[in-house]
Amino acid sequence: MGTAELACPSLLALHEWSGAEVVSVVTQPDRPGGRKLQPRPSFVKQCANKLGLPLQQPRTLRGSEAYNELAAIEPDLVVVAAYGQILPLEILELPGHGCLNVHASILPRHRGAAPIQWALLNGDRETGVTIMQMDAGLDTGGMVAAARTPIEEHDNAQTLHDRLANMGADLLVKTVPGYLAGDLIPQPQREDDASYARKIKKADGLMRWENSAPALLRRIMAFNPWPGAFTELPMTGQRMLKILDAKVTDGKGGNGEIILVDESGIVVACGERALRLLAVQREGAKQMGTADFLRGCPLRSGMVLGGSAAS
């Protein structure tokens, strides 16, 4: 059971593994997307179709319809990764060996919908994946296995996502045999160490220049590729600027004030120190380095980035 891209390596690993048979894939219904809001299949649906696997797309997991469809399959084990809905208790109790979840953090830290982004926002030095036996709570079940990875200096949400997705798939197929044999006993989580990684909203990407440069750099990396870290341009008719890469540097000025413009970047003062913007994307344009951007958008020292826009 999965919906987001994070789940695809786990599905592929289970499909290719000789120790299990994937009898069905469950994913959420197609959702409107793109400028024309046409229905789009989930990443997991696309993956399942390529592999030729049976597919179910219940509108909701609550109620007898979804339960009866799953019960008819008679699963021994349900594996869940980035499905996007909480499983009701009757489904959790349906398979003989319960339900395992592939979660992109070292639990109990960063329970919830956006563990990758919050690990970056909080400046964590490492993260990882946990294989968890699911219960009725939100990522509160017993931990069966875990694997760790350092968060590198230039990691963003996409690079960390890709690494954790592959780590989760590898750990899953290594864990399932011992779990089914009863050799791996789920261990309870320490509630005192728990934290919650709420879902990210588009408005979270707004750059608030009164914050410190290190905190703003973490925001840039955590929200690349979505929703992006963005600020308002000072020129009429060129509203929003998405910041894709930057580094902390020294400099003083008012919050959001451009204090230096040269071929190596745009230096913007923050509440503490400054950021050198290295890669940006103007609203409606393509991604580019700051040198190329400045040829079409002549920013200069003394201008101030930021405004009231928050979406």
C-alpha atoms as a PDB file:
ATOM      1  CA  MET A   1       0.000   0.000   0.000  1.00  0.00           C
ATOM      2  CA  GLY A   2       1.525   3.274  -1.117  1.00  0.00           C
ATOM      3  CA  THR A   3       0.968   6.434  -3.112  1.00  0.00           C
ATOM      4  CA  ALA A   4       4.010   8.722  -3.155  1.00  0.00           C
ATOM      5  CA  GLU A   5       7.277   8.222  -5.021  1.00  0.00           C
ATOM      6  CA  LEU A   6       9.010   7.128  -1.808  1.00  0.00           C
ATOM      7  CA  ALA A   7       7.087   3.834  -1.959  1.00  0.00           C
ATOM      8  CA  CYS A   8       8.151   2.816  -5.476  1.00  0.00           C
ATOM      9  CA  PRO A   9      11.574   1.303  -4.637  1.00  0.00           C
ATOM     10  CA  SER A  10       9.961  -0.806  -1.901  1.00  0.00           C
ATOM     11  CA  LEU A  11       7.313  -2.076  -4.317  1.00  0.00           C
ATOM     12  CA  LEU A  12       9.945  -2.910  -6.917  1.00  0.00           C
ATOM     13  CA  ALA A  13      12.147  -4.651  -4.340  1.00  0.00           C
ATOM     14  CA  LEU A  14       9.257  -6.823  -3.127  1.00  0.00           C
ATOM     15  CA  HIS A  15       8.287  -7.656  -6.711  1.00  0.00           C
ATOM     16  CA  GLU A  16      11.821  -8.719  -7.592  1.00  0.00           C
ATOM     17  CA  TRP A  17      12.430 -10.608  -4.330  1.00  0.00           C
ATOM     18  CA  SER A  18      11.949 -14.367  -4.580  1.00  0.00           C
ATOM     19  CA  GLY A  19      10.838 -14.600  -0.967  1.00  0.00           C
ATOM     20  CA  ALA A  20       7.434 -12.975  -1.481  1.00  0.00           C
ATOM     21  CA  GLU A  21       4.615 -12.610  -3.972  1.00  0.00           C
ATOM     22  CA  VAL A  22       2.947  -9.229  -4.372  1.00  0.00           C
ATOM     23  CA  VAL A  23      -0.696 -10.250  -4.730  1.00  0.00           C
ATOM     24  CA  SER A  24      -2.105  -6.726  -4.985  1.00  0.00           C
ATOM     25  CA  VAL A  25      -1.113  -3.068  -4.872  1.00  0.00           C
ATOM     26  CA  VAL A  26      -3.354  -0.523  -3.131  1.00  0.00           C
ATOM     27  CA  THR A  27      -2.953   3.173  -3.903  1.00  0.00           C
ATOM     28  CA  GLN A  28      -5.065   6.312  -3.667  1.00  0.00           C
ATOM     29  CA  PRO A  29      -7.373   7.391  -6.515  1.00  0.00           C
ATOM     30  CA  ASP A  30      -6.078   9.528  -9.369  1.00  0.00           C
ATOM     31  CA  ARG A  31      -5.941  13.207  -8.370  1.00  0.00           C
ATOM     32  CA  PRO A  32      -6.277  16.361 -10.511  1.00  0.00           C
ATOM     33  CA  GLY A  33      -2.909  17.859 -11.387  1.00  0.00           C
ATOM     34  CA  GLY A  34      -1.133  20.205 -13.774  1.00  0.00           C
ATOM     35  CA  ARG A  35      -2.479  23.429 -15.208  1.00  0.00           C
ATOM     36  CA  LYS A  36      -5.522  21.715 -16.706  1.00  0.00           C
ATOM     37  CA  LEU A  37      -6.204  19.739 -13.510  1.00  0.00           C
ATOM     38  CA  GLN A  38      -6.466  16.468 -15.390  1.00  0.00           C
ATOM     39  CA  PRO A  39      -6.607  13.266 -13.283  1.00  0.00           C
ATOM     40  CA  ARG A  40      -3.098  11.954 -12.650  1.00  0.00           C
ATOM     41  CA  PRO A  41      -2.168   8.470 -11.439  1.00  0.00           C
ATOM     42  CA  SER A  42      -0.027   8.185  -8.328  1.00  0.00           C
ATOM     43  CA  PHE A  43       3.625   7.208  -8.614  1.00  0.00           C
ATOM     44  CA  VAL A  44       2.763   3.810  -7.152  1.00  0.00           C
ATOM     45  CA  LYS A  45      -0.002   3.230  -9.709  1.00  0.00           C
ATOM     46  CA  GLN A  46       2.424   4.003 -12.521  1.00  0.00           C
ATOM     47  CA  CYS A  47       4.974   1.615 -11.030  1.00  0.00           C
ATOM     48  CA  ALA A  48       2.393  -1.155 -10.520  1.00  0.00           C
ATOM     49  CA  ASN A  49       1.155  -0.818 -14.090  1.00  0.00           C
ATOM     50  CA  LYS A  50       4.691  -1.125 -15.461  1.00  0.00           C
ATOM     51  CA  LEU A  51       5.192  -4.282 -13.399  1.00  0.00           C
ATOM     52  CA  GLY A  52       1.815  -5.710 -14.438  1.00  0.00           C
ATOM     53  CA  LEU A  53       0.574  -6.050 -10.860  1.00  0.00           C
ATOM     54  CA  PRO A  54      -3.093  -6.131  -9.758  1.00  0.00           C
ATOM     55  CA  LEU A  55      -4.222  -2.723  -8.517  1.00  0.00           C
ATOM     56  CA  GLN A  56      -6.880  -1.359  -6.178  1.00  0.00           C
ATOM     57  CA  GLN A  57      -7.767   2.332  -5.702  1.00  0.00           C
ATOM     58  CA  PRO A  58     -10.372   2.638  -2.949  1.00  0.00           C
ATOM     59  CA  ARG A  59     -11.811   6.123  -2.392  1.00  0.00           C
ATOM     60  CA  THR A  60     -11.485   5.555   1.332  1.00  0.00           C
ATOM     61  CA  LEU A  61     -10.195   2.803   3.574  1.00  0.00           C
ATOM     62  CA  ARG A  62     -13.091   3.239   5.982  1.00  0.00           C
ATOM     63  CA  GLY A  63     -16.179   1.136   5.435  1.00  0.00           C
ATOM     64  CA  SER A  64     -16.957  -2.374   4.313  1.00  0.00           C
ATOM     65  CA  GLU A  65     -16.139  -1.948   0.617  1.00  0.00           C
ATOM     66  CA  ALA A  66     -12.397  -1.444   1.058  1.00  0.00           C
ATOM     67  CA  TYR A  67     -12.221  -4.034   3.815  1.00  0.00           C
ATOM     68  CA  ASN A  68     -14.015  -6.685   1.759  1.00  0.00           C
ATOM     69  CA  GLU A  69     -11.759  -6.087  -1.251  1.00  0.00           C
ATOM     70  CA  LEU A  70      -8.652  -6.543   0.892  1.00  0.00           C
ATOM     71  CA  ALA A  71     -10.095  -9.508   2.784  1.00  0.00           C
ATOM     72  CA  ALA A  72     -10.775 -11.307  -0.494  1.00  0.00           C
ATOM     73  CA  ILE A  73      -7.031 -11.275  -1.206  1.00  0.00           C
ATOM     74  CA  GLU A  74      -6.246 -12.966   2.123  1.00  0.00           C
ATOM     75  CA  PRO A  75      -2.881 -11.247   2.595  1.00  0.00           C
ATOM     76  CA  ASP A  76      -0.318 -12.744   4.949  1.00  0.00           C
ATOM     77  CA  LEU A  77       1.391  -9.368   5.353  1.00  0.00           C
ATOM     78  CA  VAL A  78       0.604  -5.800   4.324  1.00  0.00           C
ATOM     79  CA  VAL A  79       3.507  -3.419   3.636  1.00  0.00           C
ATOM     80  CA  VAL A  80       2.734   0.296   3.754  1.00  0.00           C
ATOM     81  CA  ALA A  81       4.952   3.121   2.501  1.00  0.00           C
ATOM     82  CA  ALA A  82       3.821   6.738   2.039  1.00  0.00           C
ATOM     83  CA  TYR A  83       0.176   5.802   1.507  1.00  0.00           C
ATOM     84  CA  GLY A  84      -1.156   9.114   2.769  1.00  0.00           C
ATOM     85  CA  GLN A  85      -4.030   7.865   4.933  1.00  0.00           C
ATOM     86  CA  ILE A  86      -4.254   6.325   8.387  1.00  0.00           C
ATOM     87  CA  LEU A  87      -5.285   2.666   8.191  1.00  0.00           C
ATOM     88  CA  PRO A  88      -8.353   1.790  10.290  1.00  0.00           C
ATOM     89  CA  LEU A  89      -7.962  -0.871  12.958  1.00  0.00           C
ATOM     90  CA  GLU A  90      -9.944  -3.501  11.069  1.00  0.00           C
ATOM     91  CA  ILE A  91      -7.488  -3.359   8.172  1.00  0.00           C
ATOM     92  CA  LEU A  92      -4.471  -3.344  10.505  1.00  0.00           C
ATOM     93  CA  GLU A  93      -5.766  -6.565  12.043  1.00  0.00           C
ATOM     94  CA  LEU A  94      -6.671  -8.223   8.729  1.00  0.00           C
ATOM     95  CA  PRO A  95      -3.367  -9.851   7.647  1.00  0.00           C
ATOM     96  CA  GLY A  96      -2.090 -12.733   9.692  1.00  0.00           C
ATOM     97  CA  HIS A  97       1.288 -11.066  10.295  1.00  0.00           C
ATOM     98  CA  GLY A  98      -0.031  -7.547  10.625  1.00  0.00           C
ATOM     99  CA  CYS A  99       1.158  -4.478   8.730  1.00  0.00           C
ATOM    100  CA  LEU A 100       4.703  -3.166   8.350  1.00  0.00           C
ATOM    101  CA  ASN A 101       5.421   0.470   7.533  1.00  0.00           C
ATOM    102  CA  VAL A 102       8.503   1.914   5.837  1.00  0.00           C
ATOM    103  CA  HIS A 103       9.010   5.293   7.528  1.00  0.00           C
ATOM    104  CA  ALA A 104      11.622   7.854   6.444  1.00  0.00           C
ATOM    105  CA  SER A 105      13.085   8.724   9.836  1.00  0.00           C
ATOM    106  CA  ILE A 106      14.570   7.058  12.885  1.00  0.00           C
ATOM    107  CA  LEU A 107      11.479   6.771  15.057  1.00  0.00           C
ATOM    108  CA  PRO A 108      10.210   8.129  17.325  1.00  0.00           C
ATOM    109  CA  ARG A 109      11.766  11.303  15.897  1.00  0.00           C
ATOM    110  CA  HIS A 110       9.712  12.910  13.121  1.00  0.00           C
ATOM    111  CA  ARG A 111       6.525  10.918  13.198  1.00  0.00           C
ATOM    112  CA  GLY A 112       4.051  12.169  10.636  1.00  0.00           C
ATOM    113  CA  ALA A 113       3.744  13.228   7.012  1.00  0.00           C
ATOM    114  CA  ALA A 114       6.987  15.117   6.304  1.00  0.00           C
ATOM    115  CA  PRO A 115       9.915  13.553   8.181  1.00  0.00           C
ATOM    116  CA  ILE A 116      12.465  14.338   5.460  1.00  0.00           C
ATOM    117  CA  GLN A 117      11.677  18.059   5.338  1.00  0.00           C
ATOM    118  CA  TRP A 118      11.621  18.417   9.119  1.00  0.00           C
ATOM    119  CA  ALA A 119      14.936  16.605   9.537  1.00  0.00           C
ATOM    120  CA  LEU A 120      16.482  19.225   7.238  1.00  0.00           C
ATOM    121  CA  LEU A 121      14.624  22.144   8.830  1.00  0.00           C
ATOM    122  CA  ASN A 122      15.779  21.126  12.290  1.00  0.00           C
ATOM    123  CA  GLY A 123      19.389  20.761  11.205  1.00  0.00           C
ATOM    124  CA  ASP A 124      19.577  17.060  12.115  1.00  0.00           C
ATOM    125  CA  ARG A 125      22.999  15.587  11.441  1.00  0.00           C
ATOM    126  CA  GLU A 126      21.601  12.176  10.570  1.00  0.00           C
ATOM    127  CA  THR A 127      18.345  10.486   9.720  1.00  0.00           C
ATOM    128  CA  GLY A 128      17.354   7.121   8.302  1.00  0.00           C
ATOM    129  CA  VAL A 129      14.514   4.671   7.807  1.00  0.00           C
ATOM    130  CA  THR A 130      12.538   2.566  10.257  1.00  0.00           C
ATOM    131  CA  ILE A 131      10.557  -0.596   9.561  1.00  0.00           C
ATOM    132  CA  MET A 132       7.691  -0.402  12.037  1.00  0.00           C
ATOM    133  CA  GLN A 133       4.855  -2.744  12.984  1.00  0.00           C
ATOM    134  CA  MET A 134       1.777  -0.562  12.593  1.00  0.00           C
ATOM    135  CA  ASP A 135      -0.795   0.081  15.289  1.00  0.00           C
ATOM    136  CA  ALA A 136      -3.760   2.438  15.562  1.00  0.00           C
ATOM    137  CA  GLY A 137      -1.584   5.473  16.347  1.00  0.00           C
ATOM    138  CA  LEU A 138       0.324   7.804  14.018  1.00  0.00           C
ATOM    139  CA  ASP A 139       3.708   6.107  13.525  1.00  0.00           C
ATOM    140  CA  THR A 140       3.631   4.830  17.120  1.00  0.00           C
ATOM    141  CA  GLY A 141       4.053   1.083  16.536  1.00  0.00           C
ATOM    142  CA  GLY A 142       6.932  -1.145  17.559  1.00  0.00           C
ATOM    143  CA  MET A 143      10.211  -0.759  15.665  1.00  0.00           C
ATOM    144  CA  VAL A 144      11.415  -3.872  13.861  1.00  0.00           C
ATOM    145  CA  ALA A 145      14.558  -2.545  12.153  1.00  0.00           C
ATOM    146  CA  ALA A 146      16.301   0.729  11.340  1.00  0.00           C
ATOM    147  CA  ALA A 147      19.132   2.027   9.172  1.00  0.00           C
ATOM    148  CA  ARG A 148      20.890   5.378   9.494  1.00  0.00           C
ATOM    149  CA  THR A 149      22.519   7.827   7.095  1.00  0.00           C
ATOM    150  CA  PRO A 150      24.298  11.163   7.686  1.00  0.00           C
ATOM    151  CA  ILE A 151      22.700  14.296   6.283  1.00  0.00           C
ATOM    152  CA  GLU A 152      25.331  15.786   4.005  1.00  0.00           C
ATOM    153  CA  GLU A 153      26.006  19.511   3.674  1.00  0.00           C
ATOM    154  CA  HIS A 154      24.411  19.786   0.241  1.00  0.00           C
ATOM    155  CA  ASP A 155      21.503  17.408   0.793  1.00  0.00           C
ATOM    156  CA  ASN A 156      18.094  18.788  -0.064  1.00  0.00           C
ATOM    157  CA  ALA A 157      14.677  17.170   0.264  1.00  0.00           C
ATOM    158  CA  GLN A 158      14.991  15.468  -3.129  1.00  0.00           C
ATOM    159  CA  THR A 159      18.464  13.966  -2.666  1.00  0.00           C
ATOM    160  CA  LEU A 160      17.614  12.799   0.844  1.00  0.00           C
ATOM    161  CA  HIS A 161      14.261  11.405  -0.336  1.00  0.00           C
ATOM    162  CA  ASP A 162      15.924   9.342  -3.059  1.00  0.00           C
ATOM    163  CA  ARG A 163      18.541   7.928  -0.698  1.00  0.00           C
ATOM    164  CA  LEU A 164      16.011   7.042   1.997  1.00  0.00           C
ATOM    165  CA  ALA A 165      13.619   5.474  -0.519  1.00  0.00           C
ATOM    166  CA  ASN A 166      16.342   3.085  -1.665  1.00  0.00           C
ATOM    167  CA  MET A 167      17.508   2.426   1.893  1.00  0.00           C
ATOM    168  CA  GLY A 168      13.947   1.607   2.916  1.00  0.00           C
ATOM    169  CA  ALA A 169      13.522  -0.867   0.075  1.00  0.00           C
ATOM    170  CA  ASP A 170      16.790  -2.608   0.913  1.00  0.00           C
ATOM    171  CA  LEU A 171      16.015  -2.763   4.632  1.00  0.00           C
ATOM    172  CA  LEU A 172      12.488  -4.031   3.972  1.00  0.00           C
ATOM    173  CA  VAL A 173      13.510  -7.174   2.087  1.00  0.00           C
ATOM    174  CA  LYS A 174      16.232  -7.853   4.663  1.00  0.00           C
ATOM    175  CA  THR A 175      13.760  -7.491   7.531  1.00  0.00           C
ATOM    176  CA  VAL A 176      10.667  -9.376   6.365  1.00  0.00           C
ATOM    177  CA  PRO A 177      12.096 -12.942   6.652  1.00  0.00           C
ATOM    178  CA  GLY A 178      13.202 -12.479  10.266  1.00  0.00           C
ATOM    179  CA  TYR A 179       9.965 -10.706  11.146  1.00  0.00           C
ATOM    180  CA  LEU A 180       7.790 -13.471   9.695  1.00  0.00           C
ATOM    181  CA  ALA A 181       9.909 -16.137  11.426  1.00  0.00           C
ATOM    182  CA  GLY A 182       9.473 -14.406  14.776  1.00  0.00           C
ATOM    183  CA  ASP A 183      13.204 -13.701  15.115  1.00  0.00           C
ATOM    184  CA  LEU A 184      12.752  -9.902  14.996  1.00  0.00           C
ATOM    185  CA  ILE A 185      10.571  -8.696  17.848  1.00  0.00           C
ATOM    186  CA  PRO A 186       9.119  -5.172  17.494  1.00  0.00           C
ATOM    187  CA  GLN A 187      10.554  -2.869  20.141  1.00  0.00           C
ATOM    188  CA  PRO A 188       8.420  -0.122  21.728  1.00  0.00           C
ATOM    189  CA  GLN A 189       9.249   3.476  20.946  1.00  0.00           C
ATOM    190  CA  ARG A 190      10.416   5.899  23.624  1.00  0.00           C
ATOM    191  CA  GLU A 191       7.573   8.381  23.924  1.00  0.00           C
ATOM    192  CA  ASP A 192       9.820  10.938  25.621  1.00  0.00           C
ATOM    193  CA  ASP A 193      11.887  11.185  22.412  1.00  0.00           C
ATOM    194  CA  ALA A 194       8.936  11.567  20.040  1.00  0.00           C
ATOM    195  CA  SER A 195       8.475  14.547  17.729  1.00  0.00           C
ATOM    196  CA  TYR A 196       5.866  15.314  15.077  1.00  0.00           C
ATOM    197  CA  ALA A 197       6.627  16.247  11.444  1.00  0.00           C
ATOM    198  CA  ARG A 198       3.464  17.950  10.254  1.00  0.00           C
ATOM    199  CA  LYS A 199       2.503  18.167   6.589  1.00  0.00           C
ATOM    200  CA  ILE A 200       4.260  20.945   4.662  1.00  0.00           C
ATOM    201  CA  LYS A 201       2.158  23.773   3.215  1.00  0.00           C
ATOM    202  CA  LYS A 202       3.054  26.037   0.303  1.00  0.00           C
ATOM    203  CA  ALA A 203       3.112  29.077   2.588  1.00  0.00           C
ATOM    204  CA  ASP A 204       5.920  27.465   4.630  1.00  0.00           C
ATOM    205  CA  GLY A 205       8.317  28.332   1.813  1.00  0.00           C
ATOM    206  CA  LEU A 206       8.159  32.104   2.421  1.00  0.00           C
ATOM    207  CA  MET A 207      11.618  33.433   3.303  1.00  0.00           C
ATOM    208  CA  ARG A 208      11.481  35.542   6.451  1.00  0.00           C
ATOM    209  CA  TRP A 209      14.704  37.498   6.285  1.00  0.00           C
ATOM    210  CA  GLU A 210      14.651  38.413   9.988  1.00  0.00           C
ATOM    211  CA  ASN A 211      15.691  34.803  10.684  1.00  0.00           C
ATOM    212  CA  SER A 212      19.329  33.752  10.746  1.00  0.00           C
ATOM    213  CA  ALA A 213      21.158  32.809   7.560  1.00  0.00           C
ATOM    214  CA  PRO A 214      21.783  29.198   8.726  1.00  0.00           C
ATOM    215  CA  ALA A 215      18.068  28.739   9.512  1.00  0.00           C
ATOM    216  CA  LEU A 216      17.072  30.155   6.120  1.00  0.00           C
ATOM    217  CA  LEU A 217      19.565  27.918   4.333  1.00  0.00           C
ATOM    218  CA  ARG A 218      17.974  24.899   6.025  1.00  0.00           C
ATOM    219  CA  ARG A 219      14.600  26.124   4.729  1.00  0.00           C
ATOM    220  CA  ILE A 220      15.947  26.378   1.182  1.00  0.00           C
ATOM    221  CA  MET A 221      17.278  22.818   1.282  1.00  0.00           C
ATOM    222  CA  ALA A 222      14.215  21.377   3.053  1.00  0.00           C
ATOM    223  CA  PHE A 223      11.781  22.829   0.513  1.00  0.00           C
ATOM    224  CA  ASN A 224      13.651  21.940  -2.663  1.00  0.00           C
ATOM    225  CA  PRO A 225      11.864  20.866  -4.843  1.00  0.00           C
ATOM    226  CA  TRP A 226       8.493  21.630  -3.182  1.00  0.00           C
ATOM    227  CA  PRO A 227       7.134  24.099  -2.244  1.00  0.00           C
ATOM    228  CA  GLY A 228      10.388  25.923  -2.789  1.00  0.00           C
ATOM    229  CA  ALA A 229      11.813  28.733  -0.691  1.00  0.00           C
ATOM    230  CA  PHE A 230      10.593  31.994  -2.183  1.00  0.00           C
ATOM    231  CA  THR A 231      10.713  35.744  -1.681  1.00  0.00           C
ATOM    232  CA  GLU A 232       9.203  38.785  -3.327  1.00  0.00           C
ATOM    233  CA  LEU A 233      11.249  40.755  -5.856  1.00  0.00           C
ATOM    234  CA  PRO A 234      11.408  44.534  -5.381  1.00  0.00           C
ATOM    235  CA  MET A 235      10.611  45.442  -9.023  1.00  0.00           C
ATOM    236  CA  THR A 236       7.073  45.963 -10.271  1.00  0.00           C
ATOM    237  CA  GLY A 237       5.862  43.171 -12.543  1.00  0.00           C
ATOM    238  CA  GLN A 238       8.397  40.562 -11.363  1.00  0.00           C
ATOM    239  CA  ARG A 239       6.850  39.277  -8.177  1.00  0.00           C
ATOM    240  CA  MET A 240       8.271  36.050  -6.794  1.00  0.00           C
ATOM    241  CA  LEU A 241      11.752  34.580  -6.784  1.00  0.00           C
ATOM    242  CA  LYS A 242      12.353  30.960  -5.809  1.00  0.00           C
ATOM    243  CA  ILE A 243      15.738  30.274  -4.201  1.00  0.00           C
ATOM    244  CA  LEU A 244      17.139  26.853  -5.049  1.00  0.00           C
ATOM    245  CA  ASP A 245      20.669  26.985  -3.656  1.00  0.00           C
ATOM    246  CA  ALA A 246      22.642  29.306  -1.403  1.00  0.00           C
ATOM    247  CA  LYS A 247      25.417  29.396   1.168  1.00  0.00           C
ATOM    248  CA  VAL A 248      25.956  31.275   4.398  1.00  0.00           C
ATOM    249  CA  THR A 249      28.378  34.180   4.278  1.00  0.00           C
ATOM    250  CA  ASP A 250      29.260  37.263   6.308  1.00  0.00           C
ATOM    251  CA  GLY A 251      27.533  40.591   5.794  1.00  0.00           C
ATOM    252  CA  LYS A 252      25.382  43.181   7.528  1.00  0.00           C
ATOM    253  CA  GLY A 253      22.338  45.135   6.447  1.00  0.00           C
ATOM    254  CA  GLY A 254      18.617  45.393   6.951  1.00  0.00           C
ATOM    255  CA  ASN A 255      16.602  42.206   6.821  1.00  0.00           C
ATOM    256  CA  GLY A 256      16.294  41.167   3.158  1.00  0.00           C
ATOM    257  CA  GLU A 257      18.572  43.948   1.942  1.00  0.00           C
ATOM    258  CA  ILE A 258      20.778  43.144  -1.041  1.00  0.00           C
ATOM    259  CA  ILE A 259      24.260  44.122   0.105  1.00  0.00           C
ATOM    260  CA  LEU A 260      26.319  42.808  -2.816  1.00  0.00           C
ATOM    261  CA  VAL A 261      25.651  41.774  -6.415  1.00  0.00           C
ATOM    262  CA  ASP A 262      28.392  40.167  -8.520  1.00  0.00           C
ATOM    263  CA  GLU A 263      29.045  37.180 -10.775  1.00  0.00           C
ATOM    264  CA  SER A 264      29.384  34.844  -7.790  1.00  0.00           C
ATOM    265  CA  GLY A 265      25.903  35.519  -6.472  1.00  0.00           C
ATOM    266  CA  ILE A 266      23.500  37.867  -4.753  1.00  0.00           C
ATOM    267  CA  VAL A 267      24.302  38.505  -1.092  1.00  0.00           C
ATOM    268  CA  VAL A 268      21.250  39.193   1.080  1.00  0.00           C
ATOM    269  CA  ALA A 269      21.398  40.318   4.707  1.00  0.00           C
ATOM    270  CA  CYS A 270      19.525  38.230   7.276  1.00  0.00           C
ATOM    271  CA  GLY A 271      18.735  38.636  10.935  1.00  0.00           C
ATOM    272  CA  GLU A 272      22.106  37.029  11.581  1.00  0.00           C
ATOM    273  CA  ARG A 273      24.868  36.944   8.925  1.00  0.00           C
ATOM    274  CA  ALA A 274      23.887  36.774   5.229  1.00  0.00           C
ATOM    275  CA  LEU A 275      23.054  34.397   2.379  1.00  0.00           C
ATOM    276  CA  ARG A 276      24.752  34.264  -1.002  1.00  0.00           C
ATOM    277  CA  LEU A 277      22.104  33.128  -3.498  1.00  0.00           C
ATOM    278  CA  LEU A 278      23.640  30.722  -6.029  1.00  0.00           C
ATOM    279  CA  ALA A 279      20.692  29.327  -8.037  1.00  0.00           C
ATOM    280  CA  VAL A 280      17.283  30.929  -8.443  1.00  0.00           C
ATOM    281  CA  GLN A 281      14.090  30.696 -10.478  1.00  0.00           C
ATOM    282  CA  ARG A 282      11.944  33.671 -11.325  1.00  0.00           C
ATOM    283  CA  GLU A 283       8.186  33.135 -11.339  1.00  0.00           C
ATOM    284  CA  GLY A 284       7.197  31.622 -14.689  1.00  0.00           C
ATOM    285  CA  ALA A 285      10.808  31.096 -15.809  1.00  0.00           C
ATOM    286  CA  LYS A 286      13.336  28.267 -15.724  1.00  0.00           C
ATOM    287  CA  GLN A 287      15.956  27.543 -13.093  1.00  0.00           C
ATOM    288  CA  MET A 288      19.260  29.368 -13.590  1.00  0.00           C
ATOM    289  CA  GLY A 289      22.434  30.467 -11.866  1.00  0.00           C
ATOM    290  CA  THR A 290      22.412  33.967 -10.438  1.00  0.00           C
ATOM    291  CA  ALA A 291      24.787  35.315 -13.113  1.00  0.00           C
ATOM    292  CA  ASP A 292      22.310  34.382 -15.869  1.00  0.00           C
ATOM    293  CA  PHE A 293      19.389  35.621 -13.791  1.00  0.00           C
ATOM    294  CA  LEU A 294      20.962  39.049 -13.293  1.00  0.00           C
ATOM    295  CA  ARG A 295      21.262  39.601 -17.040  1.00  0.00           C
ATOM    296  CA  GLY A 296      17.486  39.722 -17.282  1.00  0.00           C
ATOM    297  CA  CYS A 297      16.668  41.048 -13.818  1.00  0.00           C
ATOM    298  CA  PRO A 298      19.068  43.836 -12.781  1.00  0.00           C
ATOM    299  CA  LEU A 299      19.074  43.721  -9.005  1.00  0.00           C
ATOM    300  CA  ARG A 300      21.411  46.125  -7.248  1.00  0.00           C
ATOM    301  CA  SER A 301      22.711  46.808  -3.759  1.00  0.00           C
ATOM    302  CA  GLY A 302      20.257  48.578  -1.507  1.00  0.00           C
ATOM    303  CA  MET A 303      17.167  46.852  -2.905  1.00  0.00           C
ATOM    304  CA  VAL A 304      15.140  44.823  -0.410  1.00  0.00           C
ATOM    305  CA  LEU A 305      13.737  41.352  -1.019  1.00  0.00           C
ATOM    306  CA  GLY A 306      10.542  40.227   0.653  1.00  0.00           C
ATOM    307  CA  GLY A 307       7.024  41.442   1.116  1.00  0.00           C
ATOM    308  CA  SER A 308       3.640  40.484   2.378  1.00  0.00           C
ATOM    309  CA  ALA A 309       3.024  37.668  -0.115  1.00  0.00           C
ATOM    310  CA  ALA A 310       2.780  34.327   1.644  1.00  0.00           C
ATOM    311  CA  SER A 311       1.444  31.989  -1.038  1.00  0.00           C
END
